[in-house]
Amino acid sequence: MTDWIASGEAAQRLGVKRATLYTYVSRGLLTRRREHGESLFVRHEIDTLARDRRHPGAPEGLLQMRSVRSAVSEVREGELFLRGVPLADLADEPYADVVDLVLGGSDVDELDVPEHLARLPLHRRLPALAQWAGSSRPTALDAESTGRAARGLLDAAPVALGDHHGRPGHRTALPAALFAALSGRDGSRAEVATVNTALVALVDHGLAASVVAARVAASARASAYDCLLAGYAALSGRLHGGIATTAVVTLRDGPTDDRAPGFGHWRHPDGDPRAEAILARLALVDGAAPVIGRLEEIADRAGRQPNVDGALAAVILACDLPDDSGEVLFQVGRTPGLAAHVVEELGEDPLRWRAKDPDASSAGRAATRWLPGGNVS
């Protein structure tokens, strides 16, 4: 039986605007039918196109993963939605409330932060805490365990990062405690509000590398902490969460070449909504104007708008935070998103990888899901 999906889901799976779908129909690449005023497309045709074709605007050489169903977030016509709610409507909401929206309610693992974490670089402490917690706790993997693990890491993060005013979960709201841990001082109301918005903006952004890594670990039924650790490991890459540190150098010293890390995003050609939300809050911080001005100057020269990494770099410089704070903010903000994807993955068929002849086309090297019996879903 043919499985038909609506145009919104089809566009999301391909990472294109809905209008592009009709271009593919005119080229004979997709089949379309109309039903009750809605355009419907054949799911396996969409998945085949997603696997075999590079998304328009995507970086060259990017391998595509077979589409999977996810309700955590959606990028639709350049706008980011978390659980169906536009980021613009969530930007000023308390981060804790957005965690509840994305992850749902759960208890919290009470974690003791080992002293040796203080000897590690800031951006290595949360992953090390996840590894430590997973080594000393039961290795269950279910929705409840995953939620407890994520919330436990969030509660303990400020202490792991150097905030010694209290123990995990027993101080003030996370954005304020996180700012104090990173900067060594209490932040102003505007600074804390900016960090809150940054955490909200970083919760999820679809099937990024960190999400895929966490879902692969979950597919292999690793423990909740190990799944989150897998996500943090991928997040550290210089093409993912690690970009923010390079963007700080770009913003402070100017770009060294035409690439200008921290500017432009292939999924947001008209501007990254995450950056827009963060910079709108940063503009209210005393003394931030010169940094924002430099960001705009580089954007004009590069011909690309700041992305979320450029916005994080501006926060770091304007608020005088350590250079590697961008990756830390990314880790903390993305934790509930990673956990939500891990929970989703538990309802999927196990992920397996198909090896292809290295001389075959790049399309044949895509990742696929295998169902029992060897059929591809």
Protein backbone atom coordinates (compact mmCIF):
# COMPACT_ATOMS: atom_id res chain seq x y z
CA MET A 1 0.00 0.00 0.00
CA THR A 2 1.33 3.43 -0.96
CA ASP A 3 2.12 5.66 2.02
CA TRP A 4 1.22 9.29 1.25
CA ILE A 5 2.47 12.22 3.33
CA ALA A 6 1.43 15.88 3.39
CA SER A 7 3.49 18.58 1.72
CA GLY A 8 4.72 20.00 5.04
CA GLU A 9 6.31 16.73 6.13
CA ALA A 10 7.64 16.10 2.62
CA ALA A 11 9.34 19.51 2.54
CA GLN A 12 10.82 18.95 6.00
CA ARG A 13 12.25 15.56 5.05
CA LEU A 14 13.95 17.08 2.02
CA GLY A 15 14.96 20.30 3.75
CA VAL A 16 13.37 22.45 1.04
CA LYS A 17 10.52 24.91 0.74
CA ARG A 18 7.15 23.58 -0.34
CA ALA A 19 7.41 25.37 -3.67
CA THR A 20 10.47 23.27 -4.47
CA LEU A 21 8.37 20.12 -4.20
CA TYR A 22 6.35 21.19 -7.22
CA THR A 23 9.54 21.75 -9.17
CA TYR A 24 10.47 18.14 -8.47
CA VAL A 25 6.99 17.06 -9.60
CA SER A 26 7.40 18.93 -12.89
CA ARG A 27 10.72 17.14 -13.42
CA GLY A 28 9.09 13.76 -12.89
CA LEU A 29 10.99 13.10 -9.67
CA LEU A 30 7.93 13.02 -7.40
CA THR A 31 4.32 11.90 -7.66
CA ARG A 32 1.63 14.21 -6.31
CA ARG A 33 -2.08 13.87 -5.70
CA ARG A 34 -4.66 16.23 -4.25
CA GLU A 35 -6.98 15.25 -1.43
CA HIS A 36 -9.29 17.60 0.50
CA GLY A 37 -7.34 20.59 -0.77
CA GLU A 38 -3.98 19.21 0.40
CA SER A 39 -1.08 18.07 -1.79
CA LEU A 40 0.14 14.58 -0.91
CA PHE A 41 3.41 12.91 -1.90
CA VAL A 42 4.63 9.31 -1.90
CA ARG A 43 6.76 8.75 1.17
CA HIS A 44 9.24 6.29 -0.37
CA GLU A 45 9.84 8.71 -3.27
CA ILE A 46 10.60 11.50 -0.81
CA ASP A 47 12.96 9.25 1.17
CA THR A 48 14.72 8.09 -1.98
CA LEU A 49 15.20 11.68 -3.14
CA ALA A 50 16.49 12.68 0.32
CA ARG A 51 18.99 9.83 0.21
CA ASP A 52 20.14 10.16 -3.38
CA ARG A 53 20.25 13.90 -3.87
CA ARG A 54 22.15 16.68 -2.14
CA HIS A 55 19.79 19.21 -0.63
CA PRO A 56 19.86 22.51 -2.55
CA GLY A 57 22.20 24.84 -0.68
CA ALA A 58 23.73 22.10 1.45
CA PRO A 59 27.51 22.03 1.88
CA GLU A 60 29.34 20.10 -0.83
CA GLY A 61 30.28 16.56 0.15
CA LEU A 62 27.66 16.31 2.90
CA LEU A 63 26.36 12.76 3.22
CA GLN A 64 22.65 12.44 3.72
CA MET A 65 20.95 10.22 6.26
CA ARG A 66 17.71 8.47 5.55
CA SER A 67 14.79 10.49 6.91
CA VAL A 68 13.37 9.54 10.29
CA ARG A 69 10.22 10.76 11.95
CA SER A 70 10.77 13.36 14.68
CA ALA A 71 8.46 15.74 16.49
CA VAL A 72 11.13 17.45 18.59
CA SER A 73 11.73 20.35 16.22
CA GLU A 74 11.10 21.45 12.66
CA VAL A 75 12.66 24.00 10.34
CA ARG A 76 9.91 25.22 8.04
CA GLU A 77 10.59 27.92 5.45
CA GLY A 78 13.47 29.21 7.52
CA GLU A 79 11.63 29.34 10.84
CA LEU A 80 12.46 27.05 13.79
CA PHE A 81 9.70 25.34 15.76
CA LEU A 82 10.14 23.40 19.02
CA ARG A 83 7.33 20.90 19.52
CA GLY A 84 5.33 22.94 17.03
CA VAL A 85 5.84 26.27 18.84
CA PRO A 86 7.79 29.01 16.96
CA LEU A 87 11.12 29.92 18.54
CA ALA A 88 10.02 33.56 18.42
CA ASP A 89 7.26 32.70 20.92
CA LEU A 90 9.66 30.84 23.24
CA ALA A 91 12.70 33.13 23.22
CA ASP A 92 11.72 34.96 26.41
CA GLU A 93 10.26 31.95 28.22
CA PRO A 94 12.24 30.47 31.12
CA TYR A 95 14.58 27.78 29.88
CA ALA A 96 13.17 25.35 32.46
CA ASP A 97 9.70 25.71 30.91
CA VAL A 98 11.08 24.99 27.44
CA VAL A 99 12.84 21.90 28.82
CA ASP A 100 9.44 20.73 30.10
CA LEU A 101 7.90 21.42 26.69
CA VAL A 102 10.52 19.43 24.79
CA LEU A 103 11.32 16.67 27.26
CA GLY A 104 8.16 16.36 29.31
CA GLY A 105 8.03 15.89 33.05
CA SER A 106 10.35 13.53 34.91
CA ASP A 107 12.29 13.14 38.12
CA VAL A 108 15.90 14.29 38.44
CA ASP A 109 19.02 12.22 39.05
CA GLU A 110 20.90 13.81 41.95
CA LEU A 111 24.52 13.82 40.85
CA ASP A 112 27.62 14.35 42.95
CA VAL A 113 30.21 16.34 40.99
CA PRO A 114 33.67 14.78 41.36
CA GLU A 115 36.48 17.16 42.28
CA HIS A 116 38.71 16.10 39.39
CA LEU A 117 36.36 17.84 36.90
CA ALA A 118 37.77 21.20 38.06
CA ARG A 119 41.08 20.30 36.40
CA LEU A 120 39.48 19.87 32.97
CA PRO A 121 38.84 22.60 30.37
CA LEU A 122 35.36 24.08 30.69
CA HIS A 123 34.05 22.50 27.49
CA ARG A 124 35.10 19.02 28.65
CA ARG A 125 33.39 19.06 32.04
CA LEU A 126 29.78 18.25 31.14
CA PRO A 127 30.78 15.29 28.92
CA ALA A 128 33.09 14.08 31.72
CA LEU A 129 30.25 14.41 34.21
CA ALA A 130 27.99 12.34 31.93
CA GLN A 131 30.66 9.65 31.70
CA TRP A 132 31.20 9.71 35.47
CA ALA A 133 27.48 9.47 36.19
CA GLY A 134 27.01 6.64 33.72
CA SER A 135 29.86 4.71 35.31
CA SER A 136 28.32 4.82 38.77
CA ARG A 137 24.63 4.32 38.00
CA PRO A 138 22.35 1.66 36.52
CA THR A 139 22.54 1.49 32.75
CA ALA A 140 18.82 1.54 31.97
CA LEU A 141 17.54 3.11 28.76
CA ASP A 142 13.91 4.17 28.74
CA ALA A 143 12.02 7.45 28.63
CA GLU A 144 12.06 7.93 32.40
CA SER A 145 15.77 7.14 32.80
CA THR A 146 16.68 9.43 29.90
CA GLY A 147 14.67 12.32 31.33
CA ARG A 148 16.21 11.87 34.78
CA ALA A 149 19.70 11.75 33.31
CA ALA A 150 19.25 14.91 31.24
CA ARG A 151 17.73 16.87 34.11
CA GLY A 152 20.43 15.65 36.48
CA LEU A 153 23.16 16.89 34.16
CA LEU A 154 21.43 20.25 33.77
CA ASP A 155 21.10 20.67 37.55
CA ALA A 156 24.73 19.74 38.15
CA ALA A 157 26.20 21.71 35.22
CA PRO A 158 26.84 25.00 37.09
CA VAL A 159 28.70 23.22 39.90
CA ALA A 160 30.73 21.20 37.39
CA LEU A 161 31.62 24.46 35.63
CA GLY A 162 32.84 26.20 38.77
CA ASP A 163 29.82 27.63 40.63
CA HIS A 164 30.54 26.62 44.21
CA HIS A 165 27.75 28.58 45.90
CA GLY A 166 25.68 25.47 46.37
CA ARG A 167 25.14 21.90 45.33
CA PRO A 168 23.34 20.69 42.20
CA GLY A 169 19.72 21.75 42.02
CA HIS A 170 19.89 23.94 45.13
CA ARG A 171 20.70 27.38 43.84
CA THR A 172 18.97 29.81 41.52
CA ALA A 173 17.61 29.28 38.00
CA LEU A 174 20.01 27.57 35.60
CA PRO A 175 20.78 30.56 33.30
CA ALA A 176 21.86 32.73 36.25
CA ALA A 177 23.86 29.93 37.86
CA LEU A 178 25.47 29.07 34.52
CA PHE A 179 26.46 32.68 33.90
CA ALA A 180 28.04 32.91 37.37
CA ALA A 181 29.92 29.67 36.81
CA LEU A 182 31.36 30.80 33.49
CA SER A 183 32.12 34.42 34.34
CA GLY A 184 32.95 34.24 38.05
CA ARG A 185 30.40 36.96 38.82
CA ASP A 186 26.64 37.39 38.99
CA GLY A 187 25.25 38.53 35.69
CA SER A 188 23.02 41.53 35.22
CA ARG A 189 19.36 40.91 34.47
CA ALA A 190 19.96 41.57 30.77
CA GLU A 191 23.00 39.26 30.66
CA VAL A 192 21.12 36.40 32.32
CA ALA A 193 18.15 36.95 30.00
CA THR A 194 20.50 36.70 27.02
CA VAL A 195 21.93 33.41 28.28
CA ASN A 196 18.39 32.14 28.86
CA THR A 197 17.44 32.94 25.26
CA ALA A 198 20.64 31.34 23.97
CA LEU A 199 19.87 28.11 25.82
CA VAL A 200 16.33 28.08 24.44
CA ALA A 201 17.57 28.71 20.91
CA LEU A 202 20.06 25.85 21.17
CA VAL A 203 17.62 23.17 22.39
CA ASP A 204 17.22 21.49 19.00
CA HIS A 205 17.72 22.07 15.29
CA GLY A 206 16.69 18.85 13.62
CA LEU A 207 18.99 15.95 12.78
CA ALA A 208 22.31 17.67 13.45
CA ALA A 209 25.41 15.51 13.90
CA SER A 210 25.08 15.47 17.70
CA VAL A 211 21.47 14.28 17.45
CA VAL A 212 22.35 11.57 14.95
CA ALA A 213 25.19 10.37 17.21
CA ALA A 214 22.89 10.20 20.24
CA ARG A 215 20.22 8.38 18.23
CA VAL A 216 22.74 5.86 16.87
CA ALA A 217 23.84 5.12 20.46
CA ALA A 218 20.20 4.77 21.49
CA SER A 219 19.55 2.46 18.55
CA ALA A 220 22.32 0.21 19.89
CA ARG A 221 20.60 0.48 23.30
CA ALA A 222 23.46 2.17 25.11
CA SER A 223 22.63 3.67 28.50
CA ALA A 224 20.96 7.07 28.78
CA TYR A 225 24.20 8.73 29.92
CA ASP A 226 26.20 7.08 27.15
CA CYS A 227 23.68 8.28 24.56
CA LEU A 228 24.04 11.86 25.82
CA LEU A 229 27.81 11.46 25.90
CA ALA A 230 27.76 10.35 22.25
CA GLY A 231 25.85 13.52 21.42
CA TYR A 232 28.35 15.70 23.30
CA ALA A 233 31.24 14.00 21.49
CA ALA A 234 29.82 14.88 18.07
CA LEU A 235 28.93 18.36 19.30
CA SER A 236 32.61 19.05 20.03
CA GLY A 237 33.48 18.86 16.33
CA ARG A 238 34.89 21.96 14.69
CA LEU A 239 32.03 21.83 12.17
CA HIS A 240 29.37 21.72 14.92
CA GLY A 241 29.46 23.16 18.45
CA GLY A 242 33.18 23.85 18.16
CA ILE A 243 32.55 26.52 15.53
CA ALA A 244 31.59 29.02 18.22
CA THR A 245 35.16 29.18 19.55
CA THR A 246 36.50 29.91 16.04
CA ALA A 247 33.76 32.50 15.60
CA VAL A 248 35.03 34.30 18.70
CA VAL A 249 38.43 34.71 17.06
CA THR A 250 36.76 35.89 13.85
CA LEU A 251 34.73 38.49 15.70
CA ARG A 252 37.63 39.67 17.84
CA ASP A 253 40.34 39.76 15.16
CA GLY A 254 38.42 39.74 11.88
CA PRO A 255 38.07 36.88 9.35
CA THR A 256 41.28 35.36 8.00
CA ASP A 257 39.66 34.24 4.74
CA ASP A 258 36.35 34.38 2.89
CA ARG A 259 34.69 31.67 4.97
CA ALA A 260 34.02 33.86 8.04
CA PRO A 261 32.96 31.21 10.60
CA GLY A 262 29.81 32.29 12.39
CA PHE A 263 28.09 33.72 9.33
CA GLY A 264 25.56 32.18 6.96
CA HIS A 265 23.56 28.96 7.24
CA TRP A 266 22.38 26.84 4.33
CA ARG A 267 19.06 26.10 6.03
CA HIS A 268 18.46 29.78 6.79
CA PRO A 269 19.51 31.78 3.72
CA ASP A 270 17.46 34.76 4.90
CA GLY A 271 18.91 34.76 8.42
CA ASP A 272 19.21 32.31 11.31
CA PRO A 273 16.22 32.82 13.65
CA ARG A 274 18.30 31.57 16.58
CA ALA A 275 20.87 34.31 16.03
CA GLU A 276 18.15 36.91 15.64
CA ALA A 277 16.58 35.94 18.97
CA ILE A 278 19.91 35.94 20.83
CA LEU A 279 21.12 39.23 19.37
CA ALA A 280 17.82 40.96 20.16
CA ARG A 281 18.40 40.17 23.85
CA LEU A 282 22.11 40.97 23.72
CA ALA A 283 21.31 44.45 22.40
CA LEU A 284 19.84 45.24 25.83
CA VAL A 285 23.12 44.43 27.63
CA ASP A 286 25.17 47.46 28.66
CA GLY A 287 28.29 47.80 26.54
CA ALA A 288 27.21 45.27 23.89
CA ALA A 289 26.75 47.81 21.07
CA PRO A 290 30.40 47.83 19.83
CA VAL A 291 30.47 44.02 19.62
CA ILE A 292 27.17 43.89 17.76
CA GLY A 293 28.49 46.62 15.47
CA ARG A 294 31.57 44.52 14.61
CA LEU A 295 29.32 41.55 13.94
CA GLU A 296 27.25 43.61 11.52
CA GLU A 297 30.37 44.95 9.77
CA ILE A 298 31.70 41.44 9.14
CA ALA A 299 28.27 40.31 7.98
CA ASP A 300 28.16 43.14 5.46
CA ARG A 301 31.62 42.30 4.13
CA ALA A 302 30.90 38.57 3.98
CA GLY A 303 27.46 39.04 2.44
CA ARG A 304 26.00 36.60 4.97
CA GLN A 305 23.97 37.14 8.13
CA PRO A 306 25.28 35.98 11.54
CA ASN A 307 24.29 32.44 12.42
CA VAL A 308 23.87 31.02 15.92
CA ASP A 309 27.65 30.57 16.28
CA GLY A 310 28.28 34.21 15.44
CA ALA A 311 25.62 35.25 17.93
CA LEU A 312 27.22 33.12 20.65
CA ALA A 313 30.58 34.70 19.87
CA ALA A 314 29.02 38.13 20.34
CA VAL A 315 27.56 37.06 23.70
CA ILE A 316 30.96 35.77 24.83
CA LEU A 317 32.78 39.00 23.95
CA ALA A 318 30.08 41.39 25.16
CA CYS A 319 29.68 39.57 28.49
CA ASP A 320 33.41 38.82 28.93
CA LEU A 321 32.99 35.05 29.10
CA PRO A 322 35.76 32.49 28.43
CA ASP A 323 36.32 31.74 24.76
CA ASP A 324 35.12 28.14 25.04
CA SER A 325 31.82 29.19 26.63
CA GLY A 326 30.09 28.82 23.26
CA GLU A 327 30.50 25.06 23.25
CA VAL A 328 29.44 24.91 26.90
CA LEU A 329 26.25 26.85 26.16
CA PHE A 330 25.66 24.54 23.21
CA GLN A 331 26.08 21.44 25.40
CA VAL A 332 23.73 22.68 28.11
CA GLY A 333 21.13 24.07 25.72
CA ARG A 334 21.11 20.96 23.52
CA THR A 335 20.87 18.43 26.40
CA PRO A 336 17.04 18.24 26.52
CA GLY A 337 16.89 18.03 22.72
CA LEU A 338 19.35 15.14 22.68
CA ALA A 339 17.36 13.38 25.38
CA ALA A 340 14.08 13.86 23.51
CA HIS A 341 15.60 12.36 20.37
CA VAL A 342 16.96 9.40 22.35
CA VAL A 343 13.45 8.72 23.63
CA GLU A 344 12.07 8.92 20.08
CA GLU A 345 14.74 6.53 18.81
CA LEU A 346 13.57 3.86 21.24
CA GLY A 347 10.42 3.57 19.13
CA GLU A 348 12.36 3.06 15.88
CA ASP A 349 13.71 -0.10 14.27
CA PRO A 350 17.42 -0.63 15.04
CA LEU A 351 19.74 1.36 12.81
CA ARG A 352 22.15 -0.57 10.63
CA TRP A 353 24.71 0.65 8.13
CA ARG A 354 25.15 -0.52 4.56
CA ALA A 355 28.65 -0.62 3.09
CA LYS A 356 29.05 0.27 -0.57
CA ASP A 357 31.88 0.03 -3.07
CA PRO A 358 34.05 3.13 -2.46
CA ASP A 359 34.02 3.75 -6.21
CA ALA A 360 30.22 3.91 -6.26
CA SER A 361 28.37 7.21 -6.44
CA SER A 362 28.12 9.36 -3.33
CA ALA A 363 24.38 8.78 -3.29
CA GLY A 364 24.97 5.09 -2.64
CA ARG A 365 26.94 5.84 0.50
CA ALA A 366 23.95 7.23 2.37
CA ALA A 367 22.86 5.73 5.68
CA THR A 368 19.70 3.63 5.70
CA ARG A 369 17.48 1.86 8.17
CA TRP A 370 17.13 -1.90 7.85
CA LEU A 371 14.02 -3.72 8.96
CA PRO A 372 14.02 -7.39 10.01
CA GLY A 373 14.48 -9.46 6.88
CA GLY A 374 16.72 -6.85 5.26
CA ASN A 375 14.04 -4.52 3.81
CA VAL A 376 14.67 -0.80 3.89
CA SER A 377 11.88 1.20 5.54
